[in-house]
Amino acid sequence: MFRGLFLGINNKTMYTGLLHTHSSLRYVVLLLLVIVVAKSMVGLISKKPFEKTDEKLTLWLMIATHIQLLVGLILYFVSPYVQFGANTMKDSITRYWTVEHSFIMLIAIVFITLARTSTKKLTDSKAKHKRVFIMSTIALVLIVMAIIMSGRGIIIPVRA
């Protein structure tokens, strides 16, 4: 269906490039996410105001995760591990890449997006820090869980 969009491109080369890009971007997302969680926890505990820096960090985190989502969506349609058929749910590797990884990561991205957008409506700094901390921590747990479930680990290099 969508694989026809990429007919003129060598699929193996494109897949490898997208996989490396997607795998490299995860470090940017994870780093930003850890910084946002830590900064919001410190702000919550020490009752610091929710500053411009906090807003910028949540914005950059949201931008990075949405770029990661776009690369992941393209990768989804060219990956040899994503298959739709009678055996998709029976094979654990195919099921993971076709259904579980995408679903878990999408939920994490929703939490990151909600953390960013919902703080705009709040006026109290403590409430903002709390909202960002809770939603970003949930997203971090989901992302780490999904990466570990992939069998590739967090630090293991990509094997195309």
C-alpha atoms as a PDB file:
ATOM      1  CA  MET A   1       0.000   0.000   0.000  1.00  0.00           C
ATOM      2  CA  PHE A   2       2.353   2.781   1.209  1.00  0.00           C
ATOM      3  CA  ARG A   3       5.470   0.923   0.117  1.00  0.00           C
ATOM      4  CA  GLY A   4       4.712   2.163  -3.415  1.00  0.00           C
ATOM      5  CA  LEU A   5       5.550   5.713  -2.333  1.00  0.00           C
ATOM      6  CA  PHE A   6       9.217   4.755  -2.109  1.00  0.00           C
ATOM      7  CA  LEU A   7       9.615   2.821  -5.387  1.00  0.00           C
ATOM      8  CA  GLY A   8      12.457   4.927  -6.778  1.00  0.00           C
ATOM      9  CA  ILE A   9      14.561   4.624  -3.634  1.00  0.00           C
ATOM     10  CA  ASN A  10      16.747   1.672  -2.739  1.00  0.00           C
ATOM     11  CA  ASN A  11      14.709   0.312   0.183  1.00  0.00           C
ATOM     12  CA  LYS A  12      17.672  -1.272   1.974  1.00  0.00           C
ATOM     13  CA  THR A  13      19.653   1.990   1.901  1.00  0.00           C
ATOM     14  CA  MET A  14      16.630   4.015   2.941  1.00  0.00           C
ATOM     15  CA  TYR A  15      15.744   1.569   5.709  1.00  0.00           C
ATOM     16  CA  THR A  16      19.299   1.596   7.081  1.00  0.00           C
ATOM     17  CA  GLY A  17      19.485   5.402   6.997  1.00  0.00           C
ATOM     18  CA  LEU A  18      16.119   5.804   8.680  1.00  0.00           C
ATOM     19  CA  LEU A  19      16.978   3.194  11.303  1.00  0.00           C
ATOM     20  CA  HIS A  20      20.247   4.956  12.167  1.00  0.00           C
ATOM     21  CA  THR A  21      18.493   8.330  12.291  1.00  0.00           C
ATOM     22  CA  HIS A  22      15.677   6.974  14.465  1.00  0.00           C
ATOM     23  CA  SER A  23      18.114   5.201  16.777  1.00  0.00           C
ATOM     24  CA  SER A  24      20.329   8.288  17.102  1.00  0.00           C
ATOM     25  CA  LEU A  25      17.409  10.606  17.810  1.00  0.00           C
ATOM     26  CA  ARG A  26      16.387   8.438  20.746  1.00  0.00           C
ATOM     27  CA  TYR A  27      19.458   9.681  22.631  1.00  0.00           C
ATOM     28  CA  VAL A  28      18.405  13.287  22.072  1.00  0.00           C
ATOM     29  CA  VAL A  29      14.860  12.499  23.248  1.00  0.00           C
ATOM     30  CA  LEU A  30      16.084  10.521  26.272  1.00  0.00           C
ATOM     31  CA  LEU A  31      18.579  13.233  27.272  1.00  0.00           C
ATOM     32  CA  LEU A  32      15.973  15.980  27.003  1.00  0.00           C
ATOM     33  CA  LEU A  33      13.427  13.852  28.839  1.00  0.00           C
ATOM     34  CA  VAL A  34      15.814  13.139  31.733  1.00  0.00           C
ATOM     35  CA  ILE A  35      16.686  16.849  31.953  1.00  0.00           C
ATOM     36  CA  VAL A  36      13.005  17.858  31.942  1.00  0.00           C
ATOM     37  CA  VAL A  37      12.107  15.268  34.604  1.00  0.00           C
ATOM     38  CA  ALA A  38      15.043  16.269  36.818  1.00  0.00           C
ATOM     39  CA  LYS A  39      14.429  20.010  36.420  1.00  0.00           C
ATOM     40  CA  SER A  40      10.714  19.685  37.137  1.00  0.00           C
ATOM     41  CA  MET A  41      11.423  17.503  40.195  1.00  0.00           C
ATOM     42  CA  VAL A  42      13.902  20.088  41.543  1.00  0.00           C
ATOM     43  CA  GLY A  43      11.438  22.888  40.796  1.00  0.00           C
ATOM     44  CA  LEU A  44       8.647  21.018  42.557  1.00  0.00           C
ATOM     45  CA  ILE A  45      10.695  20.152  45.648  1.00  0.00           C
ATOM     46  CA  SER A  46      12.390  23.532  46.037  1.00  0.00           C
ATOM     47  CA  LYS A  47       9.271  25.492  45.035  1.00  0.00           C
ATOM     48  CA  LYS A  48      11.056  27.361  42.249  1.00  0.00           C
ATOM     49  CA  PRO A  49       9.092  29.363  39.695  1.00  0.00           C
ATOM     50  CA  PHE A  50       8.338  27.771  36.332  1.00  0.00           C
ATOM     51  CA  GLU A  51      10.734  29.812  34.213  1.00  0.00           C
ATOM     52  CA  LYS A  52      11.315  30.446  30.513  1.00  0.00           C
ATOM     53  CA  THR A  53      14.010  27.762  30.618  1.00  0.00           C
ATOM     54  CA  ASP A  54      11.430  25.209  31.724  1.00  0.00           C
ATOM     55  CA  GLU A  55       9.114  26.262  28.899  1.00  0.00           C
ATOM     56  CA  LYS A  56      11.930  26.050  26.340  1.00  0.00           C
ATOM     57  CA  LEU A  57      13.015  22.609  27.559  1.00  0.00           C
ATOM     58  CA  THR A  58       9.488  21.217  27.298  1.00  0.00           C
ATOM     59  CA  LEU A  59       9.172  22.791  23.851  1.00  0.00           C
ATOM     60  CA  TRP A  60      12.458  21.270  22.615  1.00  0.00           C
ATOM     61  CA  LEU A  61      11.453  17.913  24.077  1.00  0.00           C
ATOM     62  CA  MET A  62       8.125  18.047  22.262  1.00  0.00           C
ATOM     63  CA  ILE A  63       9.801  19.051  18.985  1.00  0.00           C
ATOM     64  CA  ALA A  64      12.380  16.254  19.287  1.00  0.00           C
ATOM     65  CA  THR A  65       9.717  13.638  20.023  1.00  0.00           C
ATOM     66  CA  HIS A  66       7.572  14.774  17.114  1.00  0.00           C
ATOM     67  CA  ILE A  67      10.550  14.600  14.748  1.00  0.00           C
ATOM     68  CA  GLN A  68      11.231  11.123  16.148  1.00  0.00           C
ATOM     69  CA  LEU A  69       7.581  10.255  15.465  1.00  0.00           C
ATOM     70  CA  LEU A  70       7.816  11.414  11.835  1.00  0.00           C
ATOM     71  CA  VAL A  71      10.998   9.411  11.216  1.00  0.00           C
ATOM     72  CA  GLY A  72       9.402   6.430  12.966  1.00  0.00           C
ATOM     73  CA  LEU A  73       6.284   6.644  10.802  1.00  0.00           C
ATOM     74  CA  ILE A  74       8.328   6.579   7.612  1.00  0.00           C
ATOM     75  CA  LEU A  75      10.408   3.730   9.018  1.00  0.00           C
ATOM     76  CA  TYR A  76       7.212   1.868   9.882  1.00  0.00           C
ATOM     77  CA  PHE A  77       6.242   1.674   6.209  1.00  0.00           C
ATOM     78  CA  VAL A  78       9.639   0.538   4.890  1.00  0.00           C
ATOM     79  CA  SER A  79      10.724  -1.806   7.688  1.00  0.00           C
ATOM     80  CA  PRO A  80      10.961  -5.509   6.872  1.00  0.00           C
ATOM     81  CA  TYR A  81       9.911  -6.225  10.484  1.00  0.00           C
ATOM     82  CA  VAL A  82       6.510  -4.569  10.062  1.00  0.00           C
ATOM     83  CA  GLN A  83       4.182  -7.039   8.398  1.00  0.00           C
ATOM     84  CA  PHE A  84       0.440  -7.356   8.189  1.00  0.00           C
ATOM     85  CA  GLY A  85      -0.720 -10.917   7.849  1.00  0.00           C
ATOM     86  CA  ALA A  86      -2.102 -13.984   9.537  1.00  0.00           C
ATOM     87  CA  ASN A  87       1.113 -14.600  11.477  1.00  0.00           C
ATOM     88  CA  THR A  88       1.753 -11.033  12.666  1.00  0.00           C
ATOM     89  CA  MET A  89       0.363 -11.603  16.141  1.00  0.00           C
ATOM     90  CA  LYS A  90       1.831 -15.106  16.454  1.00  0.00           C
ATOM     91  CA  ASP A  91       5.450 -14.082  15.931  1.00  0.00           C
ATOM     92  CA  SER A  92       6.741 -12.040  18.895  1.00  0.00           C
ATOM     93  CA  ILE A  93       9.290 -10.029  16.889  1.00  0.00           C
ATOM     94  CA  THR A  94       6.839  -9.106  14.133  1.00  0.00           C
ATOM     95  CA  ARG A  95       4.134  -8.309  16.691  1.00  0.00           C
ATOM     96  CA  TYR A  96       6.509  -6.095  18.664  1.00  0.00           C
ATOM     97  CA  TRP A  97       7.584  -3.977  15.664  1.00  0.00           C
ATOM     98  CA  THR A  98       4.154  -3.930  13.991  1.00  0.00           C
ATOM     99  CA  VAL A  99       1.996  -3.199  17.034  1.00  0.00           C
ATOM    100  CA  GLU A 100       3.619  -2.900  20.458  1.00  0.00           C
ATOM    101  CA  HIS A 101       6.530  -0.528  19.774  1.00  0.00           C
ATOM    102  CA  SER A 102       4.377   1.941  17.850  1.00  0.00           C
ATOM    103  CA  PHE A 103       1.561   1.843  20.386  1.00  0.00           C
ATOM    104  CA  ILE A 104       3.794   2.334  23.441  1.00  0.00           C
ATOM    105  CA  MET A 105       5.785   5.131  21.815  1.00  0.00           C
ATOM    106  CA  LEU A 106       2.649   6.892  20.635  1.00  0.00           C
ATOM    107  CA  ILE A 107       1.291   6.885  24.197  1.00  0.00           C
ATOM    108  CA  ALA A 108       4.610   8.301  25.458  1.00  0.00           C
ATOM    109  CA  ILE A 109       4.498  11.058  22.831  1.00  0.00           C
ATOM    110  CA  VAL A 110       0.943  11.922  23.889  1.00  0.00           C
ATOM    111  CA  PHE A 111       2.121  12.291  27.510  1.00  0.00           C
ATOM    112  CA  ILE A 112       5.025  14.529  26.440  1.00  0.00           C
ATOM    113  CA  THR A 113       2.718  16.658  24.292  1.00  0.00           C
ATOM    114  CA  LEU A 114       0.130  16.948  27.073  1.00  0.00           C
ATOM    115  CA  ALA A 115       2.835  17.885  29.566  1.00  0.00           C
ATOM    116  CA  ARG A 116       3.842  20.771  27.310  1.00  0.00           C
ATOM    117  CA  THR A 117       0.402  21.982  26.229  1.00  0.00           C
ATOM    118  CA  SER A 118      -1.423  21.615  29.533  1.00  0.00           C
ATOM    119  CA  THR A 119       1.083  23.742  31.458  1.00  0.00           C
ATOM    120  CA  LYS A 120       0.155  26.749  29.341  1.00  0.00           C
ATOM    121  CA  LYS A 121      -3.270  26.844  30.970  1.00  0.00           C
ATOM    122  CA  LEU A 122      -1.925  26.592  34.521  1.00  0.00           C
ATOM    123  CA  THR A 123      -0.816  29.689  36.420  1.00  0.00           C
ATOM    124  CA  ASP A 124       0.718  28.163  39.549  1.00  0.00           C
ATOM    125  CA  SER A 125       4.406  27.201  39.189  1.00  0.00           C
ATOM    126  CA  LYS A 126       4.061  24.256  41.572  1.00  0.00           C
ATOM    127  CA  ALA A 127       1.174  22.862  39.515  1.00  0.00           C
ATOM    128  CA  LYS A 128       3.187  23.304  36.314  1.00  0.00           C
ATOM    129  CA  HIS A 129       6.237  21.525  37.730  1.00  0.00           C
ATOM    130  CA  LYS A 130       4.037  18.744  39.092  1.00  0.00           C
ATOM    131  CA  ARG A 131       2.224  18.253  35.766  1.00  0.00           C
ATOM    132  CA  VAL A 132       5.464  18.186  33.773  1.00  0.00           C
ATOM    133  CA  PHE A 133       7.122  15.863  36.288  1.00  0.00           C
ATOM    134  CA  ILE A 134       4.299  13.311  36.377  1.00  0.00           C
ATOM    135  CA  MET A 135       3.603  13.210  32.638  1.00  0.00           C
ATOM    136  CA  SER A 136       7.263  13.273  31.617  1.00  0.00           C
ATOM    137  CA  THR A 137       8.137  10.529  34.113  1.00  0.00           C
ATOM    138  CA  ILE A 138       5.375   8.325  32.710  1.00  0.00           C
ATOM    139  CA  ALA A 139       6.681   9.002  29.197  1.00  0.00           C
ATOM    140  CA  LEU A 140      10.249   8.194  30.269  1.00  0.00           C
ATOM    141  CA  VAL A 141       9.206   4.899  31.826  1.00  0.00           C
ATOM    142  CA  LEU A 142       7.227   3.947  28.714  1.00  0.00           C
ATOM    143  CA  ILE A 143      10.091   4.820  26.357  1.00  0.00           C
ATOM    144  CA  VAL A 144      12.720   2.962  28.373  1.00  0.00           C
ATOM    145  CA  MET A 145      10.374  -0.023  28.671  1.00  0.00           C
ATOM    146  CA  ALA A 146       9.782  -0.081  24.894  1.00  0.00           C
ATOM    147  CA  ILE A 147      13.493   0.219  24.125  1.00  0.00           C
ATOM    148  CA  ILE A 148      14.304  -2.645  26.494  1.00  0.00           C
ATOM    149  CA  MET A 149      11.495  -4.755  25.010  1.00  0.00           C
ATOM    150  CA  SER A 150      13.067  -4.316  21.561  1.00  0.00           C
ATOM    151  CA  GLY A 151      15.997  -6.449  22.635  1.00  0.00           C
ATOM    152  CA  ARG A 152      18.442  -3.826  21.392  1.00  0.00           C
ATOM    153  CA  GLY A 153      18.955  -2.154  24.733  1.00  0.00           C
ATOM    154  CA  ILE A 154      19.568   1.510  25.298  1.00  0.00           C
ATOM    155  CA  ILE A 155      23.300   1.616  24.538  1.00  0.00           C
ATOM    156  CA  ILE A 156      23.658  -1.265  22.050  1.00  0.00           C
ATOM    157  CA  PRO A 157      24.374   0.021  18.508  1.00  0.00           C
ATOM    158  CA  VAL A 158      21.894  -0.425  15.689  1.00  0.00           C
ATOM    159  CA  ARG A 159      22.008  -3.568  13.590  1.00  0.00           C
ATOM    160  CA  ALA A 160      20.187  -3.025  10.311  1.00  0.00           C
END
